[in-house]
Structure formats: C-alpha cells, structure tokens
C-alpha cells in the first residue's frame, strides 16, 4: 500500500484501515478515506457512496502487517 487509508470491500462487506506498506487483502478494495478521517465518519461516507450497504453488517479491521492481512483473509475472504 502506498498510503495509509480506509478501504472498502463491498462483497464481504468490510472496511479496513490499512497502513502504508501493508498489502491489500485478496479481493476488490476501493480507497474511501484518508487515515485522518474519524472512523465513525468513514461509515457515513461509505453509506453515501453505496446506499445498498446502509443496513449491512459491515466488518471493520485495522491491518498493520502482512500477517494481520493473512489472518483477516483466512477469517473473512471467501
């Protein structure tokens, strides 16, 4: 990852704060906010961009190492 930020995977659905230098988990991830945005506001941004996720149970993760990404993939990525 080139920059720390919040990323969305709509198919899981999940929002992850991924640190600079850490790889993205498998799947399609879209950057939705910089890391300076408050976490509670990220959900608002996602719901405005993707209204179909408004009532979804969205998973949240903070991924600061490739090991955490691997663990996340094993738990949540189909």
PDB file of N, CA and C in Angstrom:
ATOM      1  N   UNK A   1       0.826  -1.155   0.000  1.00  0.00           N
ATOM      2  CA  UNK A   1       0.000   0.000   0.000  1.00  0.00           C
ATOM      3  C   UNK A   1       0.882   1.233   0.000  1.00  0.00           C
ATOM      4  N   UNK A   2       0.563   2.186  -0.827  1.00  0.00           N
ATOM      5  CA  UNK A   2       1.368   3.394  -0.932  1.00  0.00           C
ATOM      6  C   UNK A   2       1.047   4.415   0.153  1.00  0.00           C
ATOM      7  N   UNK A   3      -0.202   4.420   0.641  1.00  0.00           N
ATOM      8  CA  UNK A   3      -0.615   5.364   1.670  1.00  0.00           C
ATOM      9  C   UNK A   3      -1.518   4.684   2.678  1.00  0.00           C
ATOM     10  N   UNK A   4      -1.443   5.119   3.910  1.00  0.00           N
ATOM     11  CA  UNK A   4      -2.375   4.643   4.918  1.00  0.00           C
ATOM     12  C   UNK A   4      -3.751   5.223   4.611  1.00  0.00           C
ATOM     13  N   UNK A   5      -4.785   4.391   4.731  1.00  0.00           N
ATOM     14  CA  UNK A   5      -6.133   4.880   4.487  1.00  0.00           C
ATOM     15  C   UNK A   5      -7.170   3.814   4.748  1.00  0.00           C
ATOM     16  N   UNK A   6      -8.422   4.223   4.620  1.00  0.00           N
ATOM     17  CA  UNK A   6      -9.547   3.307   4.774  1.00  0.00           C
ATOM     18  C   UNK A   6      -9.932   2.767   3.402  1.00  0.00           C
ATOM     19  N   UNK A   7     -10.163   1.461   3.339  1.00  0.00           N
ATOM     20  CA  UNK A   7     -10.509   0.787   2.098  1.00  0.00           C
ATOM     21  C   UNK A   7     -11.767  -0.038   2.313  1.00  0.00           C
ATOM     22  N   UNK A   8     -12.577  -0.124   1.274  1.00  0.00           N
ATOM     23  CA  UNK A   8     -13.841  -0.844   1.322  1.00  0.00           C
ATOM     24  C   UNK A   8     -13.811  -2.033   0.378  1.00  0.00           C
ATOM     25  N   UNK A   9     -14.310  -3.158   0.871  1.00  0.00           N
ATOM     26  CA  UNK A   9     -14.579  -4.322   0.031  1.00  0.00           C
ATOM     27  C   UNK A   9     -16.079  -4.560   0.140  1.00  0.00           C
ATOM     28  N   UNK A  10     -16.819  -4.224  -0.904  1.00  0.00           N
ATOM     29  CA  UNK A  10     -18.284  -4.312  -0.878  1.00  0.00           C
ATOM     30  C   UNK A  10     -18.782  -5.737  -0.838  1.00  0.00           C
ATOM     31  N   UNK A  11     -18.049  -6.683  -1.383  1.00  0.00           N
ATOM     32  CA  UNK A  11     -18.555  -8.051  -1.453  1.00  0.00           C
ATOM     33  C   UNK A  11     -18.515  -8.768  -0.106  1.00  0.00           C
ATOM     34  N   UNK A  12     -17.662  -8.341   0.837  1.00  0.00           N
ATOM     35  CA  UNK A  12     -17.579  -9.045   2.132  1.00  0.00           C
ATOM     36  C   UNK A  12     -18.749  -8.659   3.044  1.00  0.00           C
ATOM     37  N   UNK A  13     -19.236  -7.516   3.293  1.00  0.00           N
ATOM     38  CA  UNK A  13     -18.623  -6.191   3.179  1.00  0.00           C
ATOM     39  C   UNK A  13     -17.710  -5.896   4.374  1.00  0.00           C
ATOM     40  N   UNK A  14     -16.656  -5.106   4.088  1.00  0.00           N
ATOM     41  CA  UNK A  14     -15.691  -4.766   5.124  1.00  0.00           C
ATOM     42  C   UNK A  14     -15.037  -3.424   4.838  1.00  0.00           C
ATOM     43  N   UNK A  15     -14.706  -2.746   5.920  1.00  0.00           N
ATOM     44  CA  UNK A  15     -13.909  -1.523   5.853  1.00  0.00           C
ATOM     45  C   UNK A  15     -12.634  -1.807   6.636  1.00  0.00           C
ATOM     46  N   UNK A  16     -11.501  -1.519   6.032  1.00  0.00           N
ATOM     47  CA  UNK A  16     -10.232  -1.769   6.706  1.00  0.00           C
ATOM     48  C   UNK A  16      -9.359  -0.526   6.659  1.00  0.00           C
ATOM     49  N   UNK A  17      -8.773  -0.212   7.796  1.00  0.00           N
ATOM     50  CA  UNK A  17      -7.725   0.796   7.855  1.00  0.00           C
ATOM     51  C   UNK A  17      -6.433   0.036   7.594  1.00  0.00           C
ATOM     52  N   UNK A  18      -5.805   0.351   6.482  1.00  0.00           N
ATOM     53  CA  UNK A  18      -4.604  -0.387   6.068  1.00  0.00           C
ATOM     54  C   UNK A  18      -3.423   0.574   6.058  1.00  0.00           C
ATOM     55  N   UNK A  19      -2.374   0.190   6.774  1.00  0.00           N
ATOM     56  CA  UNK A  19      -1.215   1.057   6.895  1.00  0.00           C
ATOM     57  C   UNK A  19      -0.334   1.027   5.653  1.00  0.00           C
ATOM     58  N   UNK A  20       0.384   2.113   5.458  1.00  0.00           N
ATOM     59  CA  UNK A  20       1.320   2.234   4.350  1.00  0.00           C
ATOM     60  C   UNK A  20       2.299   1.066   4.379  1.00  0.00           C
ATOM     61  N   UNK A  21       2.525   0.452   3.222  1.00  0.00           N
ATOM     62  CA  UNK A  21       3.477  -0.640   3.102  1.00  0.00           C
ATOM     63  C   UNK A  21       2.883  -2.017   3.326  1.00  0.00           C
ATOM     64  N   UNK A  22       1.630  -2.081   3.764  1.00  0.00           N
ATOM     65  CA  UNK A  22       0.959  -3.358   4.003  1.00  0.00           C
ATOM     66  C   UNK A  22       0.115  -3.676   2.772  1.00  0.00           C
ATOM     67  N   UNK A  23       0.146  -4.931   2.349  1.00  0.00           N
ATOM     68  CA  UNK A  23      -0.608  -5.313   1.142  1.00  0.00           C
ATOM     69  C   UNK A  23      -2.100  -5.337   1.425  1.00  0.00           C
ATOM     70  N   UNK A  24      -2.880  -5.134   0.373  1.00  0.00           N
ATOM     71  CA  UNK A  24      -4.330  -5.265   0.461  1.00  0.00           C
ATOM     72  C   UNK A  24      -4.699  -6.736   0.565  1.00  0.00           C
ATOM     73  N   UNK A  25      -5.752  -7.057   1.311  1.00  0.00           N
ATOM     74  CA  UNK A  25      -6.237  -8.438   1.311  1.00  0.00           C
ATOM     75  C   UNK A  25      -6.752  -8.812  -0.082  1.00  0.00           C
ATOM     76  N   UNK A  26      -6.930 -10.108  -0.304  1.00  0.00           N
ATOM     77  CA  UNK A  26      -7.471 -10.569  -1.579  1.00  0.00           C
ATOM     78  C   UNK A  26      -8.843  -9.937  -1.809  1.00  0.00           C
ATOM     79  N   UNK A  27      -9.180  -9.756  -3.057  1.00  0.00           N
ATOM     80  CA  UNK A  27     -10.483  -9.186  -3.400  1.00  0.00           C
ATOM     81  C   UNK A  27     -10.337  -7.782  -3.954  1.00  0.00           C
ATOM     82  N   UNK A  28     -11.475  -7.156  -4.173  1.00  0.00           N
ATOM     83  CA  UNK A  28     -11.506  -5.813  -4.740  1.00  0.00           C
ATOM     84  C   UNK A  28     -11.701  -4.798  -3.620  1.00  0.00           C
ATOM     85  N   UNK A  29     -10.725  -3.946  -3.432  1.00  0.00           N
ATOM     86  CA  UNK A  29     -10.736  -2.928  -2.394  1.00  0.00           C
ATOM     87  C   UNK A  29     -10.678  -1.549  -3.024  1.00  0.00           C
ATOM     88  N   UNK A  30     -11.496  -0.643  -2.514  1.00  0.00           N
ATOM     89  CA  UNK A  30     -11.555   0.725  -3.006  1.00  0.00           C
ATOM     90  C   UNK A  30     -11.231   1.678  -1.866  1.00  0.00           C
ATOM     91  N   UNK A  31     -10.327   2.595  -2.121  1.00  0.00           N
ATOM     92  CA  UNK A  31      -9.986   3.591  -1.098  1.00  0.00           C
ATOM     93  C   UNK A  31     -11.179   4.525  -0.910  1.00  0.00           C
ATOM     94  N   UNK A  32     -11.590   4.725   0.353  1.00  0.00           N
ATOM     95  CA  UNK A  32     -12.742   5.588   0.608  1.00  0.00           C
ATOM     96  C   UNK A  32     -12.400   6.805   1.462  1.00  0.00           C
ATOM     97  N   UNK A  33     -11.278   6.782   2.180  1.00  0.00           N
ATOM     98  CA  UNK A  33     -10.930   7.928   3.018  1.00  0.00           C
ATOM     99  C   UNK A  33      -9.472   7.863   3.460  1.00  0.00           C
ATOM    100  N   UNK A  34      -8.932   9.034   3.762  1.00  0.00           N
ATOM    101  CA  UNK A  34      -7.592   9.120   4.338  1.00  0.00           C
ATOM    102  C   UNK A  34      -7.627   8.679   5.792  1.00  0.00           C
ATOM    103  N   UNK A  35      -6.481   8.361   6.333  1.00  0.00           N
ATOM    104  CA  UNK A  35      -6.419   7.901   7.720  1.00  0.00           C
ATOM    105  C   UNK A  35      -6.742   8.995   8.725  1.00  0.00           C
ATOM    106  N   UNK A  36      -6.744  10.246   8.317  1.00  0.00           N
ATOM    107  CA  UNK A  36      -7.080  11.350   9.213  1.00  0.00           C
ATOM    108  C   UNK A  36      -8.572  11.527   9.447  1.00  0.00           C
ATOM    109  N   UNK A  37      -9.385  10.832   8.682  1.00  0.00           N
ATOM    110  CA  UNK A  37     -10.838  10.920   8.829  1.00  0.00           C
ATOM    111  C   UNK A  37     -11.252  10.079  10.035  1.00  0.00           C
ATOM    112  N   UNK A  38     -12.114  10.611  10.912  1.00  0.00           N
ATOM    113  CA  UNK A  38     -12.569   9.812  12.051  1.00  0.00           C
ATOM    114  C   UNK A  38     -13.288   8.543  11.581  1.00  0.00           C
ATOM    115  N   UNK A  39     -13.060   7.450  12.287  1.00  0.00           N
ATOM    116  CA  UNK A  39     -13.624   6.151  11.888  1.00  0.00           C
ATOM    117  C   UNK A  39     -15.143   6.206  11.757  1.00  0.00           C
ATOM    118  N   UNK A  40     -15.819   6.926  12.660  1.00  0.00           N
ATOM    119  CA  UNK A  40     -17.283   6.988  12.594  1.00  0.00           C
ATOM    120  C   UNK A  40     -17.743   7.674  11.309  1.00  0.00           C
ATOM    121  N   UNK A  41     -16.935   8.583  10.798  1.00  0.00           N
ATOM    122  CA  UNK A  41     -17.309   9.302   9.571  1.00  0.00           C
ATOM    123  C   UNK A  41     -17.113   8.435   8.325  1.00  0.00           C
ATOM    124  N   UNK A  42     -16.202   7.484   8.403  1.00  0.00           N
ATOM    125  CA  UNK A  42     -15.954   6.598   7.259  1.00  0.00           C
ATOM    126  C   UNK A  42     -17.228   5.828   6.914  1.00  0.00           C
ATOM    127  N   UNK A  43     -17.928   5.331   7.912  1.00  0.00           N
ATOM    128  CA  UNK A  43     -19.192   4.609   7.663  1.00  0.00           C
ATOM    129  C   UNK A  43     -20.180   5.517   6.943  1.00  0.00           C
ATOM    130  N   UNK A  44     -20.284   6.771   7.361  1.00  0.00           N
ATOM    131  CA  UNK A  44     -21.168   7.727   6.689  1.00  0.00           C
ATOM    132  C   UNK A  44     -20.790   7.898   5.223  1.00  0.00           C
ATOM    133  N   UNK A  45     -19.504   8.004   4.963  1.00  0.00           N
ATOM    134  CA  UNK A  45     -19.016   8.148   3.583  1.00  0.00           C
ATOM    135  C   UNK A  45     -19.414   6.928   2.764  1.00  0.00           C
ATOM    136  N   UNK A  46     -19.171   5.746   3.319  1.00  0.00           N
ATOM    137  CA  UNK A  46     -19.485   4.502   2.615  1.00  0.00           C
ATOM    138  C   UNK A  46     -20.983   4.411   2.326  1.00  0.00           C
ATOM    139  N   UNK A  47     -21.813   4.760   3.289  1.00  0.00           N
ATOM    140  CA  UNK A  47     -23.266   4.680   3.088  1.00  0.00           C
ATOM    141  C   UNK A  47     -23.749   5.676   2.043  1.00  0.00           C
ATOM    142  N   UNK A  48     -23.106   6.829   1.957  1.00  0.00           N
ATOM    143  CA  UNK A  48     -23.491   7.790   0.910  1.00  0.00           C
ATOM    144  C   UNK A  48     -23.061   7.308  -0.471  1.00  0.00           C
ATOM    145  N   UNK A  49     -21.890   6.693  -0.544  1.00  0.00           N
ATOM    146  CA  UNK A  49     -21.398   6.188  -1.831  1.00  0.00           C
ATOM    147  C   UNK A  49     -22.107   4.902  -2.263  1.00  0.00           C
ATOM    148  N   UNK A  50     -22.496   4.088  -1.276  1.00  0.00           N
ATOM    149  CA  UNK A  50     -23.095   2.778  -1.549  1.00  0.00           C
ATOM    150  C   UNK A  50     -24.320   2.580  -0.654  1.00  0.00           C
ATOM    151  N   UNK A  51     -25.449   3.191  -1.010  1.00  0.00           N
ATOM    152  CA  UNK A  51     -26.641   3.120  -0.161  1.00  0.00           C
ATOM    153  C   UNK A  51     -27.108   1.694   0.126  1.00  0.00           C
ATOM    154  N   UNK A  52     -26.761   0.752  -0.725  1.00  0.00           N
ATOM    155  CA  UNK A  52     -27.158  -0.645  -0.503  1.00  0.00           C
ATOM    156  C   UNK A  52     -26.490  -1.244   0.747  1.00  0.00           C
ATOM    157  N   UNK A  53     -25.451  -0.591   1.251  1.00  0.00           N
ATOM    158  CA  UNK A  53     -24.759  -1.076   2.440  1.00  0.00           C
ATOM    159  C   UNK A  53     -25.276  -0.433   3.729  1.00  0.00           C
ATOM    160  N   UNK A  54     -26.280   0.430   3.606  1.00  0.00           N
ATOM    161  CA  UNK A  54     -26.766   1.184   4.762  1.00  0.00           C
ATOM    162  C   UNK A  54     -27.170   0.282   5.924  1.00  0.00           C
ATOM    163  N   UNK A  55     -27.816  -0.813   5.646  1.00  0.00           N
ATOM    164  CA  UNK A  55     -28.282  -1.707   6.709  1.00  0.00           C
ATOM    165  C   UNK A  55     -27.404  -2.958   6.847  1.00  0.00           C
ATOM    166  N   UNK A  56     -26.320  -2.984   6.133  1.00  0.00           N
ATOM    167  CA  UNK A  56     -25.444  -4.164   6.154  1.00  0.00           C
ATOM    168  C   UNK A  56     -24.620  -4.224   7.440  1.00  0.00           C
ATOM    169  N   UNK A  57     -24.305  -5.430   7.850  1.00  0.00           N
ATOM    170  CA  UNK A  57     -23.369  -5.647   8.961  1.00  0.00           C
ATOM    171  C   UNK A  57     -21.960  -5.595   8.370  1.00  0.00           C
ATOM    172  N   UNK A  58     -21.340  -4.457   8.506  1.00  0.00           N
ATOM    173  CA  UNK A  58     -20.015  -4.251   7.917  1.00  0.00           C
ATOM    174  C   UNK A  58     -18.942  -4.631   8.928  1.00  0.00           C
ATOM    175  N   UNK A  59     -17.991  -5.431   8.476  1.00  0.00           N
ATOM    176  CA  UNK A  59     -16.842  -5.792   9.313  1.00  0.00           C
ATOM    177  C   UNK A  59     -15.828  -4.652   9.270  1.00  0.00           C
ATOM    178  N   UNK A  60     -15.147  -4.463  10.383  1.00  0.00           N
ATOM    179  CA  UNK A  60     -14.099  -3.450  10.464  1.00  0.00           C
ATOM    180  C   UNK A  60     -12.798  -4.124  10.859  1.00  0.00           C
ATOM    181  N   UNK A  61     -11.714  -3.628  10.282  1.00  0.00           N
ATOM    182  CA  UNK A  61     -10.403  -4.169  10.619  1.00  0.00           C
ATOM    183  C   UNK A  61      -9.364  -3.064  10.535  1.00  0.00           C
ATOM    184  N   UNK A  62      -8.333  -3.219  11.317  1.00  0.00           N
ATOM    185  CA  UNK A  62      -7.160  -2.363  11.237  1.00  0.00           C
ATOM    186  C   UNK A  62      -5.997  -3.293  10.937  1.00  0.00           C
ATOM    187  N   UNK A  63      -5.419  -3.127   9.762  1.00  0.00           N
ATOM    188  CA  UNK A  63      -4.389  -4.059   9.297  1.00  0.00           C
ATOM    189  C   UNK A  63      -3.048  -3.331   9.216  1.00  0.00           C
ATOM    190  N   UNK A  64      -2.144  -3.702  10.128  1.00  0.00           N
ATOM    191  CA  UNK A  64      -0.867  -3.002  10.205  1.00  0.00           C
ATOM    192  C   UNK A  64       0.325  -3.868   9.822  1.00  0.00           C
ATOM    193  N   UNK A  65       0.048  -5.125   9.405  1.00  0.00           N
ATOM    194  CA  UNK A  65       1.137  -6.004   8.974  1.00  0.00           C
ATOM    195  C   UNK A  65       0.588  -7.029   7.977  1.00  0.00           C
ATOM    196  N   UNK A  66       1.488  -7.604   7.210  1.00  0.00           N
ATOM    197  CA  UNK A  66       1.053  -8.634   6.257  1.00  0.00           C
ATOM    198  C   UNK A  66       0.490  -9.844   6.992  1.00  0.00           C
ATOM    199  N   UNK A  67       0.981 -10.123   8.195  1.00  0.00           N
ATOM    200  CA  UNK A  67       0.451 -11.241   8.992  1.00  0.00           C
ATOM    201  C   UNK A  67      -1.017 -10.984   9.361  1.00  0.00           C
ATOM    202  N   UNK A  68      -1.341  -9.752   9.741  1.00  0.00           N
ATOM    203  CA  UNK A  68      -2.733  -9.410  10.045  1.00  0.00           C
ATOM    204  C   UNK A  68      -3.613  -9.535   8.801  1.00  0.00           C
ATOM    205  N   UNK A  69      -3.063  -9.188   7.642  1.00  0.00           N
ATOM    206  CA  UNK A  69      -3.813  -9.348   6.391  1.00  0.00           C
ATOM    207  C   UNK A  69      -4.099 -10.827   6.146  1.00  0.00           C
ATOM    208  N   UNK A  70      -3.102 -11.678   6.335  1.00  0.00           N
ATOM    209  CA  UNK A  70      -3.287 -13.124   6.158  1.00  0.00           C
ATOM    210  C   UNK A  70      -4.352 -13.652   7.107  1.00  0.00           C
ATOM    211  N   UNK A  71      -4.306 -13.253   8.361  1.00  0.00           N
ATOM    212  CA  UNK A  71      -5.315 -13.681   9.340  1.00  0.00           C
ATOM    213  C   UNK A  71      -6.707 -13.201   8.928  1.00  0.00           C
ATOM    214  N   UNK A  72      -6.806 -11.961   8.461  1.00  0.00           N
ATOM    215  CA  UNK A  72      -8.078 -11.403   8.005  1.00  0.00           C
ATOM    216  C   UNK A  72      -8.612 -12.219   6.824  1.00  0.00           C
ATOM    217  N   UNK A  73      -7.742 -12.510   5.867  1.00  0.00           N
ATOM    218  CA  UNK A  73      -8.162 -13.296   4.705  1.00  0.00           C
ATOM    219  C   UNK A  73      -8.677 -14.678   5.117  1.00  0.00           C
ATOM    220  N   UNK A  74      -7.999 -15.322   6.037  1.00  0.00           N
ATOM    221  CA  UNK A  74      -8.416 -16.649   6.470  1.00  0.00           C
ATOM    222  C   UNK A  74      -9.767 -16.615   7.169  1.00  0.00           C
ATOM    223  N   UNK A  75     -10.065 -15.514   7.852  1.00  0.00           N
ATOM    224  CA  UNK A  75     -11.319 -15.416   8.589  1.00  0.00           C
ATOM    225  C   UNK A  75     -12.482 -14.927   7.736  1.00  0.00           C
ATOM    226  N   UNK A  76     -12.230 -14.033   6.783  1.00  0.00           N
ATOM    227  CA  UNK A  76     -13.342 -13.335   6.130  1.00  0.00           C
ATOM    228  C   UNK A  76     -13.397 -13.398   4.614  1.00  0.00           C
ATOM    229  N   UNK A  77     -12.300 -13.677   3.947  1.00  0.00           N
ATOM    230  CA  UNK A  77     -12.305 -13.639   2.484  1.00  0.00           C
ATOM    231  C   UNK A  77     -12.663 -15.021   1.955  1.00  0.00           C
ATOM    232  N   UNK A  78     -13.743 -15.092   1.177  1.00  0.00           N
ATOM    233  CA  UNK A  78     -14.160 -16.409   0.628  1.00  0.00           C
ATOM    234  C   UNK A  78     -13.173 -16.979  -0.368  1.00  0.00           C
TER     235      UNK A  78
END
